[in-house]
Amino acid sequence: MKKITILLLLGLSLSVYSQDKFGAFTGFNYSYFTDGIAGQVLAEESFGLQLGIVYEKELSTKVHFRPKLAFSQQGDRTQTEGVINFDPIVGGDFEIDQIDTKLTYINLPLDFKFWNKIYVIAGPQLGFLVQETQMGQFNQKAKSSVDFGFNLGGGFTVNKLFFEVGIYQGFTEVYRYNYFYTGNSVKAHNGFAKFTVGYMFK
């Protein structure tokens, strides 16, 4: 909680005292786990909320630093139907979409914005896990409370409104399920697609 409080105070201080642009946004995530980095994806209908604040500092006429502070619902938020037949000793029909775990993060995307009216955004992201809810039979705890990954997306502005779409790929291993007999394993990383609507106050 101390980390979250510090991040919130940092975001608010940037918004209040900065001479640069700041705003607020909301939207939704279509979230999933990937097997490794950009590995197997079996996405279910798993939607979550995101909302937060954004700060923008001009570095040049075509490049802006655009960090955000976001509340983000992620993970596999849809419970897989039926009984899963999986034995970690001999393997089975385990698939990554059977990790039915709701995750909630406070994210700090450190994005850069390229161009203005129509633009590209890219940059690293830090996430701090604040809630974990298991819905299925695989009841591991997350291996790390800190998630690190990369954002890539684009957007456009209409007056003070902005609209963005993007994808996130986590580099941090969140869960691992080992097949001891075969030596194989599923290494679950966070991933999601996102759609955002926001408003710049100044």
C-alpha atoms as a PDB file:
ATOM      1  CA  MET A   1       0.000   0.000   0.000  1.00  0.00           C
ATOM      2  CA  LYS A   2       2.917   2.359   0.655  1.00  0.00           C
ATOM      3  CA  LYS A   3       4.057   1.988  -2.967  1.00  0.00           C
ATOM      4  CA  ILE A   4       0.552   2.722  -4.250  1.00  0.00           C
ATOM      5  CA  THR A   5       0.222   5.800  -2.025  1.00  0.00           C
ATOM      6  CA  ILE A   6       3.566   7.166  -3.209  1.00  0.00           C
ATOM      7  CA  LEU A   7       2.589   6.654  -6.857  1.00  0.00           C
ATOM      8  CA  LEU A   8      -0.786   8.350  -6.366  1.00  0.00           C
ATOM      9  CA  LEU A   9       0.818  11.333  -4.643  1.00  0.00           C
ATOM     10  CA  LEU A  10       3.406  11.566  -7.411  1.00  0.00           C
ATOM     11  CA  GLY A  11       0.706  11.520 -10.074  1.00  0.00           C
ATOM     12  CA  LEU A  12      -1.391  14.132  -8.309  1.00  0.00           C
ATOM     13  CA  SER A  13       1.586  16.424  -7.735  1.00  0.00           C
ATOM     14  CA  LEU A  14       2.490  16.235 -11.407  1.00  0.00           C
ATOM     15  CA  SER A  15      -1.075  17.124 -12.331  1.00  0.00           C
ATOM     16  CA  VAL A  16      -1.430  20.039  -9.926  1.00  0.00           C
ATOM     17  CA  TYR A  17       1.942  21.738 -10.170  1.00  0.00           C
ATOM     18  CA  SER A  18       3.082  21.035 -13.702  1.00  0.00           C
ATOM     19  CA  GLN A  19       2.961  23.663 -16.416  1.00  0.00           C
ATOM     20  CA  ASP A  20       2.557  20.899 -19.004  1.00  0.00           C
ATOM     21  CA  LYS A  21      -0.587  19.053 -20.045  1.00  0.00           C
ATOM     22  CA  PHE A  22      -2.482  16.677 -17.805  1.00  0.00           C
ATOM     23  CA  GLY A  23      -5.745  14.797 -18.085  1.00  0.00           C
ATOM     24  CA  ALA A  24      -7.857  11.817 -17.092  1.00  0.00           C
ATOM     25  CA  PHE A  25      -8.983   8.719 -18.955  1.00  0.00           C
ATOM     26  CA  THR A  26     -11.082   5.593 -18.749  1.00  0.00           C
ATOM     27  CA  GLY A  27     -11.607   2.547 -20.913  1.00  0.00           C
ATOM     28  CA  PHE A  28     -11.499  -1.238 -20.935  1.00  0.00           C
ATOM     29  CA  ASN A  29      -8.984  -4.053 -21.263  1.00  0.00           C
ATOM     30  CA  TYR A  30      -9.387  -7.294 -23.172  1.00  0.00           C
ATOM     31  CA  SER A  31      -7.002  -9.319 -21.034  1.00  0.00           C
ATOM     32  CA  TYR A  32      -5.369 -12.755 -21.216  1.00  0.00           C
ATOM     33  CA  PHE A  33      -2.224 -14.686 -20.325  1.00  0.00           C
ATOM     34  CA  THR A  34       0.489 -15.553 -22.829  1.00  0.00           C
ATOM     35  CA  ASP A  35       2.714 -18.644 -22.615  1.00  0.00           C
ATOM     36  CA  GLY A  36       6.057 -16.871 -22.454  1.00  0.00           C
ATOM     37  CA  ILE A  37       6.660 -13.563 -24.202  1.00  0.00           C
ATOM     38  CA  ALA A  38       4.322 -13.282 -27.199  1.00  0.00           C
ATOM     39  CA  GLY A  39       3.747 -17.030 -26.965  1.00  0.00           C
ATOM     40  CA  GLN A  40       0.537 -19.061 -27.097  1.00  0.00           C
ATOM     41  CA  VAL A  41      -2.618 -17.025 -26.512  1.00  0.00           C
ATOM     42  CA  LEU A  42      -6.023 -18.636 -25.971  1.00  0.00           C
ATOM     43  CA  ALA A  43      -8.111 -15.594 -25.147  1.00  0.00           C
ATOM     44  CA  GLU A  44     -11.547 -15.844 -23.564  1.00  0.00           C
ATOM     45  CA  GLU A  45     -14.144 -13.077 -23.307  1.00  0.00           C
ATOM     46  CA  SER A  46     -12.289 -11.400 -20.469  1.00  0.00           C
ATOM     47  CA  PHE A  47     -12.922  -7.673 -20.055  1.00  0.00           C
ATOM     48  CA  GLY A  48     -11.774  -5.353 -17.294  1.00  0.00           C
ATOM     49  CA  LEU A  49     -11.895  -1.681 -16.406  1.00  0.00           C
ATOM     50  CA  GLN A  50      -9.049   0.798 -16.570  1.00  0.00           C
ATOM     51  CA  LEU A  51      -8.992   4.417 -15.431  1.00  0.00           C
ATOM     52  CA  GLY A  52      -6.418   6.940 -14.347  1.00  0.00           C
ATOM     53  CA  ILE A  53      -4.561  10.174 -14.982  1.00  0.00           C
ATOM     54  CA  VAL A  54      -2.096  11.174 -17.696  1.00  0.00           C
ATOM     55  CA  TYR A  55       0.693  13.733 -17.817  1.00  0.00           C
ATOM     56  CA  GLU A  56       2.303  15.023 -21.017  1.00  0.00           C
ATOM     57  CA  LYS A  57       5.584  16.918 -21.387  1.00  0.00           C
ATOM     58  CA  GLU A  58       6.813  18.180 -24.737  1.00  0.00           C
ATOM     59  CA  LEU A  59      10.360  17.072 -25.540  1.00  0.00           C
ATOM     60  CA  SER A  60      10.247  18.329 -29.130  1.00  0.00           C
ATOM     61  CA  THR A  61       7.543  19.301 -31.634  1.00  0.00           C
ATOM     62  CA  LYS A  62       7.026  15.624 -32.531  1.00  0.00           C
ATOM     63  CA  VAL A  63       8.004  13.775 -29.347  1.00  0.00           C
ATOM     64  CA  HIS A  64       6.274  13.970 -25.951  1.00  0.00           C
ATOM     65  CA  PHE A  65       6.840  12.087 -22.709  1.00  0.00           C
ATOM     66  CA  ARG A  66       3.401  10.732 -21.721  1.00  0.00           C
ATOM     67  CA  PRO A  67       3.368   8.739 -18.450  1.00  0.00           C
ATOM     68  CA  LYS A  68       0.121   7.547 -16.890  1.00  0.00           C
ATOM     69  CA  LEU A  69      -1.055   6.251 -13.542  1.00  0.00           C
ATOM     70  CA  ALA A  70      -3.780   3.652 -14.054  1.00  0.00           C
ATOM     71  CA  PHE A  71      -6.043   1.314 -12.119  1.00  0.00           C
ATOM     72  CA  SER A  72      -6.228  -1.781 -14.331  1.00  0.00           C
ATOM     73  CA  GLN A  73      -8.249  -5.026 -14.149  1.00  0.00           C
ATOM     74  CA  GLN A  74      -6.326  -7.833 -15.863  1.00  0.00           C
ATOM     75  CA  GLY A  75      -5.789 -11.593 -15.870  1.00  0.00           C
ATOM     76  CA  ASP A  76      -8.204 -14.214 -17.134  1.00  0.00           C
ATOM     77  CA  ARG A  77     -11.488 -12.916 -15.716  1.00  0.00           C
ATOM     78  CA  THR A  78     -13.712 -15.635 -17.266  1.00  0.00           C
ATOM     79  CA  GLN A  79     -14.008 -19.020 -15.578  1.00  0.00           C
ATOM     80  CA  THR A  80     -13.402 -21.964 -17.906  1.00  0.00           C
ATOM     81  CA  GLU A  81     -16.394 -24.290 -17.996  1.00  0.00           C
ATOM     82  CA  GLY A  82     -16.184 -27.980 -17.175  1.00  0.00           C
ATOM     83  CA  VAL A  83     -13.676 -30.129 -15.280  1.00  0.00           C
ATOM     84  CA  ILE A  84     -10.048 -29.802 -16.307  1.00  0.00           C
ATOM     85  CA  ASN A  85      -8.146 -33.089 -16.512  1.00  0.00           C
ATOM     86  CA  PHE A  86      -4.552 -32.153 -15.808  1.00  0.00           C
ATOM     87  CA  ASP A  87      -1.857 -34.115 -13.988  1.00  0.00           C
ATOM     88  CA  PRO A  88       1.425 -32.220 -13.484  1.00  0.00           C
ATOM     89  CA  ILE A  89       3.302 -35.554 -13.428  1.00  0.00           C
ATOM     90  CA  VAL A  90       2.221 -36.888 -16.830  1.00  0.00           C
ATOM     91  CA  GLY A  91       0.728 -33.774 -18.397  1.00  0.00           C
ATOM     92  CA  GLY A  92      -2.759 -33.593 -19.843  1.00  0.00           C
ATOM     93  CA  ASP A  93      -4.964 -31.189 -21.744  1.00  0.00           C
ATOM     94  CA  PHE A  94      -3.981 -28.091 -19.739  1.00  0.00           C
ATOM     95  CA  GLU A  95      -4.152 -24.858 -21.747  1.00  0.00           C
ATOM     96  CA  ILE A  96      -3.189 -21.383 -20.678  1.00  0.00           C
ATOM     97  CA  ASP A  97      -6.781 -20.105 -20.822  1.00  0.00           C
ATOM     98  CA  GLN A  98      -7.580 -22.459 -17.912  1.00  0.00           C
ATOM     99  CA  ILE A  99      -5.697 -20.185 -15.485  1.00  0.00           C
ATOM    100  CA  ASP A 100      -8.849 -18.461 -14.228  1.00  0.00           C
ATOM    101  CA  THR A 101      -7.412 -15.692 -12.060  1.00  0.00           C
ATOM    102  CA  LYS A 102      -8.579 -12.091 -11.763  1.00  0.00           C
ATOM    103  CA  LEU A 103      -5.691  -9.655 -11.247  1.00  0.00           C
ATOM    104  CA  THR A 104      -5.868  -5.962 -10.381  1.00  0.00           C
ATOM    105  CA  TYR A 105      -2.851  -3.693 -10.856  1.00  0.00           C
ATOM    106  CA  ILE A 106      -1.831  -0.104 -10.343  1.00  0.00           C
ATOM    107  CA  ASN A 107       0.134   0.498 -13.553  1.00  0.00           C
ATOM    108  CA  LEU A 108       2.689   3.140 -14.399  1.00  0.00           C
ATOM    109  CA  PRO A 109       3.144   3.254 -18.205  1.00  0.00           C
ATOM    110  CA  LEU A 110       6.192   5.368 -19.114  1.00  0.00           C
ATOM    111  CA  ASP A 111       5.155   5.990 -22.699  1.00  0.00           C
ATOM    112  CA  PHE A 112       6.486   8.288 -25.369  1.00  0.00           C
ATOM    113  CA  LYS A 113       4.109   9.894 -27.846  1.00  0.00           C
ATOM    114  CA  PHE A 114       5.261  10.467 -31.433  1.00  0.00           C
ATOM    115  CA  TRP A 115       3.474  13.139 -33.507  1.00  0.00           C
ATOM    116  CA  ASN A 116       0.354  15.007 -32.406  1.00  0.00           C
ATOM    117  CA  LYS A 117      -3.143  14.822 -33.938  1.00  0.00           C
ATOM    118  CA  ILE A 118      -2.639  11.220 -35.038  1.00  0.00           C
ATOM    119  CA  TYR A 119       0.117   9.603 -33.026  1.00  0.00           C
ATOM    120  CA  VAL A 120       1.977   6.468 -31.970  1.00  0.00           C
ATOM    121  CA  ILE A 121       2.690   5.620 -28.323  1.00  0.00           C
ATOM    122  CA  ALA A 122       5.343   3.212 -27.063  1.00  0.00           C
ATOM    123  CA  GLY A 123       7.241   2.603 -23.850  1.00  0.00           C
ATOM    124  CA  PRO A 124       7.864   0.391 -20.820  1.00  0.00           C
ATOM    125  CA  GLN A 125       5.382  -0.202 -18.022  1.00  0.00           C
ATOM    126  CA  LEU A 126       5.625  -1.072 -14.336  1.00  0.00           C
ATOM    127  CA  GLY A 127       2.648  -2.687 -12.607  1.00  0.00           C
ATOM    128  CA  PHE A 128       2.013  -3.273  -8.902  1.00  0.00           C
ATOM    129  CA  LEU A 129      -0.351  -6.128  -8.027  1.00  0.00           C
ATOM    130  CA  VAL A 130      -3.005  -5.053  -5.504  1.00  0.00           C
ATOM    131  CA  GLN A 131      -5.555  -7.887  -5.744  1.00  0.00           C
ATOM    132  CA  GLU A 132      -5.555 -11.521  -6.861  1.00  0.00           C
ATOM    133  CA  THR A 133      -8.730 -13.639  -7.012  1.00  0.00           C
ATOM    134  CA  GLN A 134      -8.586 -17.331  -7.951  1.00  0.00           C
ATOM    135  CA  MET A 135     -11.699 -18.731  -9.651  1.00  0.00           C
ATOM    136  CA  GLY A 136     -10.472 -22.119 -10.893  1.00  0.00           C
ATOM    137  CA  GLN A 137      -8.688 -25.190  -9.575  1.00  0.00           C
ATOM    138  CA  PHE A 138      -5.146 -23.867 -10.148  1.00  0.00           C
ATOM    139  CA  ASN A 139      -4.607 -21.915  -6.957  1.00  0.00           C
ATOM    140  CA  GLN A 140      -1.063 -20.635  -7.215  1.00  0.00           C
ATOM    141  CA  LYS A 141      -0.101 -17.230  -5.898  1.00  0.00           C
ATOM    142  CA  ALA A 142       1.551 -14.807  -8.319  1.00  0.00           C
ATOM    143  CA  LYS A 143       5.313 -15.269  -8.438  1.00  0.00           C
ATOM    144  CA  SER A 144       5.873 -11.509  -8.269  1.00  0.00           C
ATOM    145  CA  SER A 145       3.858  -8.527  -7.078  1.00  0.00           C
ATOM    146  CA  VAL A 146       5.633  -6.329  -9.652  1.00  0.00           C
ATOM    147  CA  ASP A 147       5.007  -6.699 -13.375  1.00  0.00           C
ATOM    148  CA  PHE A 148       7.230  -5.240 -16.089  1.00  0.00           C
ATOM    149  CA  GLY A 149       6.456  -5.079 -19.789  1.00  0.00           C
ATOM    150  CA  PHE A 150       6.034  -2.958 -22.900  1.00  0.00           C
ATOM    151  CA  ASN A 151       3.190  -0.910 -24.423  1.00  0.00           C
ATOM    152  CA  LEU A 152       2.582  -0.197 -28.090  1.00  0.00           C
ATOM    153  CA  GLY A 153      -0.380   1.646 -29.544  1.00  0.00           C
ATOM    154  CA  GLY A 154      -1.775   4.653 -31.308  1.00  0.00           C
ATOM    155  CA  GLY A 155      -4.369   7.346 -31.001  1.00  0.00           C
ATOM    156  CA  PHE A 156      -5.839  10.587 -32.218  1.00  0.00           C
ATOM    157  CA  THR A 157      -7.090  13.820 -30.670  1.00  0.00           C
ATOM    158  CA  VAL A 158     -10.274  15.835 -31.244  1.00  0.00           C
ATOM    159  CA  ASN A 159      -9.931  19.188 -29.477  1.00  0.00           C
ATOM    160  CA  LYS A 160      -9.191  18.143 -25.864  1.00  0.00           C
ATOM    161  CA  LEU A 161     -10.470  14.579 -26.245  1.00  0.00           C
ATOM    162  CA  PHE A 162      -8.174  11.690 -27.108  1.00  0.00           C
ATOM    163  CA  PHE A 163      -8.875   8.124 -28.187  1.00  0.00           C
ATOM    164  CA  GLU A 164      -6.267   5.366 -27.949  1.00  0.00           C
ATOM    165  CA  VAL A 165      -5.912   1.672 -28.717  1.00  0.00           C
ATOM    166  CA  GLY A 166      -2.939  -0.436 -27.752  1.00  0.00           C
ATOM    167  CA  ILE A 167      -1.489  -3.727 -26.616  1.00  0.00           C
ATOM    168  CA  TYR A 168       0.623  -4.679 -23.614  1.00  0.00           C
ATOM    169  CA  GLN A 169       3.006  -7.620 -23.273  1.00  0.00           C
ATOM    170  CA  GLY A 170       4.399  -8.464 -19.852  1.00  0.00           C
ATOM    171  CA  PHE A 171       7.982  -9.695 -19.522  1.00  0.00           C
ATOM    172  CA  THR A 172       7.546 -10.877 -15.916  1.00  0.00           C
ATOM    173  CA  GLU A 173       6.531 -14.482 -15.297  1.00  0.00           C
ATOM    174  CA  VAL A 174       3.328 -14.431 -13.247  1.00  0.00           C
ATOM    175  CA  TYR A 175       2.569 -18.170 -12.973  1.00  0.00           C
ATOM    176  CA  ARG A 176       4.289 -21.424 -13.953  1.00  0.00           C
ATOM    177  CA  TYR A 177       2.776 -24.892 -14.306  1.00  0.00           C
ATOM    178  CA  ASN A 178       5.327 -27.684 -14.753  1.00  0.00           C
ATOM    179  CA  TYR A 179       4.913 -31.049 -16.483  1.00  0.00           C
ATOM    180  CA  PHE A 180       7.409 -33.011 -14.398  1.00  0.00           C
ATOM    181  CA  TYR A 181       7.304 -36.111 -16.585  1.00  0.00           C
ATOM    182  CA  THR A 182       7.952 -34.344 -19.895  1.00  0.00           C
ATOM    183  CA  GLY A 183      10.038 -31.449 -18.591  1.00  0.00           C
ATOM    184  CA  ASN A 184       7.773 -28.926 -20.288  1.00  0.00           C
ATOM    185  CA  SER A 185       6.020 -26.039 -18.559  1.00  0.00           C
ATOM    186  CA  VAL A 186       3.503 -23.255 -19.116  1.00  0.00           C
ATOM    187  CA  LYS A 187       4.937 -19.848 -18.194  1.00  0.00           C
ATOM    188  CA  ALA A 188       2.089 -17.363 -17.901  1.00  0.00           C
ATOM    189  CA  HIS A 189       2.734 -13.664 -18.599  1.00  0.00           C
ATOM    190  CA  ASN A 190       0.255 -10.785 -18.572  1.00  0.00           C
ATOM    191  CA  GLY A 191      -1.107  -9.466 -21.836  1.00  0.00           C
ATOM    192  CA  PHE A 192      -4.020  -7.297 -22.871  1.00  0.00           C
ATOM    193  CA  ALA A 193      -5.452  -5.114 -25.590  1.00  0.00           C
ATOM    194  CA  LYS A 194      -6.904  -1.794 -24.461  1.00  0.00           C
ATOM    195  CA  PHE A 195      -9.207   0.959 -25.655  1.00  0.00           C
ATOM    196  CA  THR A 196      -9.047   4.339 -23.913  1.00  0.00           C
ATOM    197  CA  VAL A 197     -11.006   7.604 -24.014  1.00  0.00           C
ATOM    198  CA  GLY A 198      -9.580  10.618 -22.226  1.00  0.00           C
ATOM    199  CA  TYR A 199      -9.701  14.371 -21.762  1.00  0.00           C
ATOM    200  CA  MET A 200      -6.772  16.798 -21.458  1.00  0.00           C
ATOM    201  CA  PHE A 201      -7.520  19.630 -19.044  1.00  0.00           C
ATOM    202  CA  LYS A 202      -4.670  21.902 -20.173  1.00  0.00           C
END
